[in-house]
Each structure stands twice: as C-alpha cells, then as structure tokens.
Amino acid sequence: ADMFANEEGGPEPEWVITEREQFSDFRDLNKDGKMDKDEIQHWILPQDYDHALAEARHLVYESDVDKDQKLTKEEVLDNWNMFVGSQATNYGEDLTRNHDEL
C-alpha cells in the first residue's frame, strides 16, 4: 500500500501486475501466498545466479552499439556513466588501472 493504493474499479499498473507474477511464479516457492525465511534467502542470495556474469552481460548488452559482442574503446567511453556506476568495475576504480586488453 505504500507504493500503490488500488483505487476501487481502477486498473492496476503494469508494474504491479508484473510484480504479482514474479511473486507467484518465482518468489513464493511453496505457493502459500507469503514468503518464508528460506524463500527470502533464495531471493536475496540465489545459489544458481552469477551476479558478476549477469552484470558483465548487462554492460555489454547496453553498450555494444553494433551488437558484435565486443566493446570498443569508443563504446565504453560513450557509456562511461554505466561503467562507473557498475559493481563489476568496482564503481569505476578498475577503469583507472592499465589493462592490456583495452
């Protein structure tokens, strides 16, 4: 209710519908309508999810303008704000070090 107060008769926003689907399909594993300690732990620290790989894929997907799965110096510089704000680059610290691959 803090984020969305459903007006009587009004449609739910798309994000609310999506969140409901996410909850029922992926979060409420035992389908009891609420999240218990194990479900919360699985949500926050999933065992089968590689955060670094997901962030790296996100950075490449968003920055690779020509979609060749390779980042040029220009593509990185054009999207510097995304890299500086990324946990994968240690919030920009790793970008100040010399790298042979660049």
N, C-alpha and C. Protein backbone atom coordinates (compact mmCIF):
# COMPACT_ATOMS: atom_id res chain seq x y z
N ALA A 1 0.82 -1.20 0.00
CA ALA A 1 0.00 0.00 0.00
C ALA A 1 0.86 1.26 0.00
N ASP A 2 2.11 1.16 0.44
CA ASP A 2 2.99 2.34 0.42
C ASP A 2 3.36 2.75 -1.00
N MET A 3 3.42 1.77 -1.90
CA MET A 3 3.84 2.07 -3.26
C MET A 3 2.67 2.23 -4.22
N PHE A 4 1.56 1.55 -3.94
CA PHE A 4 0.41 1.60 -4.84
C PHE A 4 -0.87 1.41 -4.05
N ALA A 5 -1.71 2.39 -4.12
CA ALA A 5 -3.03 2.29 -3.48
C ALA A 5 -4.04 2.03 -4.58
N ASN A 6 -4.62 0.85 -4.57
CA ASN A 6 -5.56 0.47 -5.62
C ASN A 6 -6.86 1.25 -5.46
N GLU A 7 -7.15 2.07 -6.45
CA GLU A 7 -8.42 2.79 -6.47
C GLU A 7 -9.51 1.81 -6.86
N GLU A 8 -10.64 1.91 -6.20
CA GLU A 8 -11.74 1.00 -6.49
C GLU A 8 -12.17 1.12 -7.94
N GLY A 9 -12.13 -0.01 -8.63
CA GLY A 9 -12.56 -0.04 -10.03
C GLY A 9 -11.48 0.36 -11.01
N GLY A 10 -10.37 0.89 -10.54
CA GLY A 10 -9.31 1.30 -11.45
C GLY A 10 -8.38 0.15 -11.80
N PRO A 11 -7.78 0.20 -12.96
CA PRO A 11 -6.87 -0.89 -13.35
C PRO A 11 -5.54 -0.79 -12.61
N GLU A 12 -4.91 -1.94 -12.41
CA GLU A 12 -3.59 -1.95 -11.80
C GLU A 12 -2.55 -1.56 -12.84
N PRO A 13 -1.53 -0.82 -12.43
CA PRO A 13 -0.45 -0.51 -13.38
C PRO A 13 0.27 -1.79 -13.80
N GLU A 14 0.90 -1.72 -14.94
CA GLU A 14 1.61 -2.89 -15.49
C GLU A 14 2.68 -3.39 -14.52
N TRP A 15 3.38 -2.48 -13.82
CA TRP A 15 4.43 -2.92 -12.91
C TRP A 15 3.88 -3.72 -11.74
N VAL A 16 2.66 -3.42 -11.30
CA VAL A 16 2.04 -4.17 -10.20
C VAL A 16 1.70 -5.58 -10.69
N ILE A 17 1.17 -5.67 -11.89
CA ILE A 17 0.84 -6.98 -12.47
C ILE A 17 2.10 -7.82 -12.62
N THR A 18 3.18 -7.20 -13.10
CA THR A 18 4.45 -7.90 -13.26
C THR A 18 4.99 -8.38 -11.93
N GLU A 19 4.91 -7.53 -10.90
CA GLU A 19 5.39 -7.92 -9.57
C GLU A 19 4.56 -9.08 -9.00
N ARG A 20 3.26 -9.06 -9.22
CA ARG A 20 2.42 -10.17 -8.75
C ARG A 20 2.82 -11.48 -9.43
N GLU A 21 3.08 -11.40 -10.74
CA GLU A 21 3.50 -12.60 -11.48
C GLU A 21 4.86 -13.09 -10.99
N GLN A 22 5.78 -12.17 -10.76
CA GLN A 22 7.10 -12.54 -10.24
C GLN A 22 6.97 -13.24 -8.90
N PHE A 23 6.12 -12.69 -8.05
CA PHE A 23 5.92 -13.29 -6.74
C PHE A 23 5.37 -14.71 -6.86
N SER A 24 4.30 -14.85 -7.62
CA SER A 24 3.65 -16.16 -7.69
C SER A 24 4.48 -17.18 -8.48
N ASP A 25 5.21 -16.74 -9.50
CA ASP A 25 5.96 -17.67 -10.34
C ASP A 25 7.35 -18.01 -9.78
N PHE A 26 8.00 -17.04 -9.10
CA PHE A 26 9.40 -17.24 -8.73
C PHE A 26 9.72 -17.06 -7.24
N ARG A 27 8.96 -16.27 -6.52
CA ARG A 27 9.30 -15.98 -5.13
C ARG A 27 8.61 -16.91 -4.14
N ASP A 28 7.33 -17.14 -4.34
CA ASP A 28 6.53 -17.97 -3.42
C ASP A 28 6.68 -19.44 -3.84
N LEU A 29 7.82 -20.03 -3.49
CA LEU A 29 8.15 -21.37 -3.97
C LEU A 29 7.20 -22.45 -3.46
N ASN A 30 6.70 -22.30 -2.23
CA ASN A 30 5.78 -23.31 -1.69
C ASN A 30 4.31 -22.93 -1.91
N LYS A 31 4.07 -21.85 -2.62
CA LYS A 31 2.73 -21.42 -3.04
C LYS A 31 1.75 -21.23 -1.87
N ASP A 32 2.25 -20.66 -0.75
CA ASP A 32 1.36 -20.43 0.39
C ASP A 32 0.91 -18.97 0.49
N GLY A 33 1.28 -18.15 -0.50
CA GLY A 33 0.83 -16.76 -0.53
C GLY A 33 1.69 -15.80 0.25
N LYS A 34 2.78 -16.28 0.84
CA LYS A 34 3.70 -15.40 1.58
C LYS A 34 5.10 -15.97 1.47
N MET A 35 6.08 -15.14 1.79
CA MET A 35 7.47 -15.58 1.71
C MET A 35 7.99 -15.92 3.09
N ASP A 36 8.53 -17.12 3.22
CA ASP A 36 9.14 -17.50 4.49
C ASP A 36 10.65 -17.22 4.42
N LYS A 37 11.35 -17.54 5.49
CA LYS A 37 12.78 -17.24 5.59
C LYS A 37 13.59 -17.87 4.44
N ASP A 38 13.30 -19.13 4.12
CA ASP A 38 14.04 -19.80 3.05
C ASP A 38 13.78 -19.16 1.69
N GLU A 39 12.55 -18.76 1.43
CA GLU A 39 12.21 -18.12 0.16
C GLU A 39 12.88 -16.75 0.05
N ILE A 40 12.95 -16.03 1.15
CA ILE A 40 13.63 -14.72 1.14
C ILE A 40 15.13 -14.91 0.90
N GLN A 41 15.71 -15.91 1.56
CA GLN A 41 17.13 -16.18 1.36
C GLN A 41 17.41 -16.55 -0.09
N HIS A 42 16.58 -17.38 -0.67
CA HIS A 42 16.74 -17.78 -2.08
C HIS A 42 16.61 -16.57 -3.00
N TRP A 43 15.74 -15.64 -2.66
CA TRP A 43 15.53 -14.44 -3.46
C TRP A 43 16.74 -13.52 -3.37
N ILE A 44 17.25 -13.30 -2.17
CA ILE A 44 18.36 -12.36 -1.98
C ILE A 44 19.70 -12.97 -2.39
N LEU A 45 19.91 -14.24 -2.07
CA LEU A 45 21.17 -14.92 -2.37
C LEU A 45 20.92 -16.21 -3.15
N PRO A 46 20.46 -16.11 -4.39
CA PRO A 46 20.20 -17.34 -5.15
C PRO A 46 21.49 -18.12 -5.38
N GLN A 47 21.41 -19.42 -5.23
CA GLN A 47 22.59 -20.26 -5.38
C GLN A 47 23.00 -20.44 -6.84
N ASP A 48 22.07 -20.32 -7.75
CA ASP A 48 22.35 -20.61 -9.16
C ASP A 48 22.47 -19.35 -10.01
N TYR A 49 22.84 -18.22 -9.40
CA TYR A 49 22.89 -16.96 -10.13
C TYR A 49 24.26 -16.33 -9.97
N ASP A 50 24.92 -16.04 -11.06
CA ASP A 50 26.24 -15.43 -11.05
C ASP A 50 26.08 -13.93 -11.26
N HIS A 51 26.18 -13.17 -10.18
CA HIS A 51 25.96 -11.72 -10.24
C HIS A 51 26.97 -11.02 -11.15
N ALA A 52 28.23 -11.42 -11.07
CA ALA A 52 29.26 -10.78 -11.89
C ALA A 52 29.00 -11.03 -13.38
N LEU A 53 28.66 -12.25 -13.72
CA LEU A 53 28.37 -12.57 -15.12
C LEU A 53 27.14 -11.81 -15.61
N ALA A 54 26.12 -11.75 -14.80
CA ALA A 54 24.90 -11.01 -15.18
C ALA A 54 25.20 -9.53 -15.39
N GLU A 55 25.99 -8.93 -14.51
CA GLU A 55 26.34 -7.51 -14.65
C GLU A 55 27.20 -7.29 -15.88
N ALA A 56 28.15 -8.19 -16.13
CA ALA A 56 29.00 -8.05 -17.32
C ALA A 56 28.17 -8.15 -18.60
N ARG A 57 27.24 -9.10 -18.63
CA ARG A 57 26.36 -9.23 -19.81
C ARG A 57 25.50 -7.98 -19.99
N HIS A 58 25.03 -7.44 -18.88
CA HIS A 58 24.23 -6.22 -18.95
C HIS A 58 25.04 -5.06 -19.53
N LEU A 59 26.28 -4.89 -19.06
CA LEU A 59 27.12 -3.81 -19.55
C LEU A 59 27.40 -3.96 -21.04
N VAL A 60 27.70 -5.17 -21.48
CA VAL A 60 27.96 -5.39 -22.90
C VAL A 60 26.69 -5.16 -23.71
N TYR A 61 25.57 -5.70 -23.26
CA TYR A 61 24.31 -5.53 -23.99
C TYR A 61 23.95 -4.06 -24.16
N GLU A 62 24.08 -3.29 -23.10
CA GLU A 62 23.68 -1.88 -23.15
C GLU A 62 24.68 -1.00 -23.89
N SER A 63 25.95 -1.40 -23.94
CA SER A 63 26.99 -0.54 -24.51
C SER A 63 27.41 -0.94 -25.92
N ASP A 64 27.16 -2.16 -26.32
CA ASP A 64 27.61 -2.68 -27.61
C ASP A 64 26.68 -2.20 -28.72
N VAL A 65 26.96 -1.02 -29.24
CA VAL A 65 26.08 -0.37 -30.22
C VAL A 65 25.94 -1.20 -31.49
N ASP A 66 27.04 -1.76 -31.98
CA ASP A 66 26.98 -2.52 -33.23
C ASP A 66 26.66 -4.00 -33.03
N LYS A 67 26.41 -4.39 -31.77
CA LYS A 67 25.98 -5.75 -31.41
C LYS A 67 26.91 -6.84 -31.93
N ASP A 68 28.22 -6.59 -31.86
CA ASP A 68 29.19 -7.60 -32.28
C ASP A 68 29.77 -8.38 -31.09
N GLN A 69 29.19 -8.17 -29.90
CA GLN A 69 29.63 -8.85 -28.67
C GLN A 69 31.03 -8.45 -28.25
N LYS A 70 31.51 -7.31 -28.75
CA LYS A 70 32.81 -6.78 -28.36
C LYS A 70 32.63 -5.29 -28.10
N LEU A 71 33.33 -4.80 -27.10
CA LEU A 71 33.25 -3.38 -26.79
C LEU A 71 34.50 -2.67 -27.29
N THR A 72 34.27 -1.62 -28.05
CA THR A 72 35.39 -0.78 -28.46
C THR A 72 35.63 0.28 -27.39
N LYS A 73 36.76 0.92 -27.49
CA LYS A 73 37.07 2.00 -26.55
C LYS A 73 35.98 3.08 -26.63
N GLU A 74 35.53 3.37 -27.83
CA GLU A 74 34.50 4.40 -28.02
C GLU A 74 33.18 3.99 -27.37
N GLU A 75 32.80 2.73 -27.48
CA GLU A 75 31.55 2.26 -26.87
C GLU A 75 31.61 2.36 -25.35
N VAL A 76 32.78 2.05 -24.79
CA VAL A 76 32.92 2.17 -23.35
C VAL A 76 32.88 3.64 -22.94
N LEU A 77 33.61 4.48 -23.66
CA LEU A 77 33.63 5.91 -23.31
C LEU A 77 32.27 6.57 -23.51
N ASP A 78 31.54 6.15 -24.53
CA ASP A 78 30.21 6.70 -24.76
C ASP A 78 29.23 6.33 -23.64
N ASN A 79 29.53 5.25 -22.93
CA ASN A 79 28.66 4.77 -21.85
C ASN A 79 29.40 4.76 -20.51
N TRP A 80 30.33 5.69 -20.36
CA TRP A 80 31.18 5.72 -19.16
C TRP A 80 30.37 5.74 -17.88
N ASN A 81 29.24 6.44 -17.88
CA ASN A 81 28.44 6.55 -16.66
C ASN A 81 27.89 5.21 -16.20
N MET A 82 27.60 4.32 -17.15
CA MET A 82 27.11 2.99 -16.79
C MET A 82 28.23 2.17 -16.16
N PHE A 83 29.43 2.29 -16.70
CA PHE A 83 30.57 1.54 -16.17
C PHE A 83 31.01 2.06 -14.81
N VAL A 84 31.02 3.36 -14.65
CA VAL A 84 31.42 3.95 -13.37
C VAL A 84 30.43 3.59 -12.27
N GLY A 85 29.17 3.43 -12.62
CA GLY A 85 28.15 3.09 -11.65
C GLY A 85 27.97 1.59 -11.45
N SER A 86 28.84 0.79 -12.05
CA SER A 86 28.67 -0.66 -12.00
C SER A 86 29.52 -1.31 -10.92
N GLN A 87 28.93 -2.27 -10.26
CA GLN A 87 29.66 -3.05 -9.26
C GLN A 87 30.76 -3.87 -9.95
N ALA A 88 30.55 -4.24 -11.20
CA ALA A 88 31.53 -5.05 -11.93
C ALA A 88 32.85 -4.33 -12.12
N THR A 89 32.83 -3.01 -12.16
CA THR A 89 34.06 -2.23 -12.29
C THR A 89 34.49 -1.64 -10.96
N ASN A 90 33.96 -2.19 -9.88
CA ASN A 90 34.28 -1.68 -8.55
C ASN A 90 33.93 -0.19 -8.49
N TYR A 91 32.77 0.13 -9.06
CA TYR A 91 32.25 1.50 -9.12
C TYR A 91 33.26 2.47 -9.73
N GLY A 92 33.90 2.02 -10.81
CA GLY A 92 34.79 2.88 -11.57
C GLY A 92 36.25 2.75 -11.23
N GLU A 93 36.60 2.22 -10.08
CA GLU A 93 38.00 2.12 -9.69
C GLU A 93 38.82 1.31 -10.68
N ASP A 94 38.28 0.21 -11.17
CA ASP A 94 39.03 -0.65 -12.09
C ASP A 94 39.28 0.01 -13.43
N LEU A 95 38.52 1.03 -13.77
CA LEU A 95 38.70 1.70 -15.05
C LEU A 95 39.92 2.60 -15.06
N THR A 96 40.45 2.93 -13.90
CA THR A 96 41.61 3.82 -13.83
C THR A 96 42.93 3.05 -13.90
N ARG A 97 42.88 1.73 -13.84
CA ARG A 97 44.08 0.91 -13.92
C ARG A 97 44.39 0.58 -15.38
N ASN A 98 45.66 0.35 -15.68
CA ASN A 98 46.06 -0.04 -17.04
C ASN A 98 45.64 -1.47 -17.30
N HIS A 99 45.06 -1.68 -18.48
CA HIS A 99 44.62 -3.01 -18.88
C HIS A 99 45.15 -3.30 -20.28
N ASP A 100 45.84 -4.43 -20.44
CA ASP A 100 46.35 -4.82 -21.76
C ASP A 100 45.23 -5.09 -22.74
N GLU A 101 44.09 -5.60 -22.25
CA GLU A 101 43.01 -5.98 -23.16
C GLU A 101 42.30 -4.77 -23.76
N LEU A 102 42.52 -3.59 -23.20
CA LEU A 102 41.92 -2.38 -23.77
C LEU A 102 42.90 -1.81 -24.75
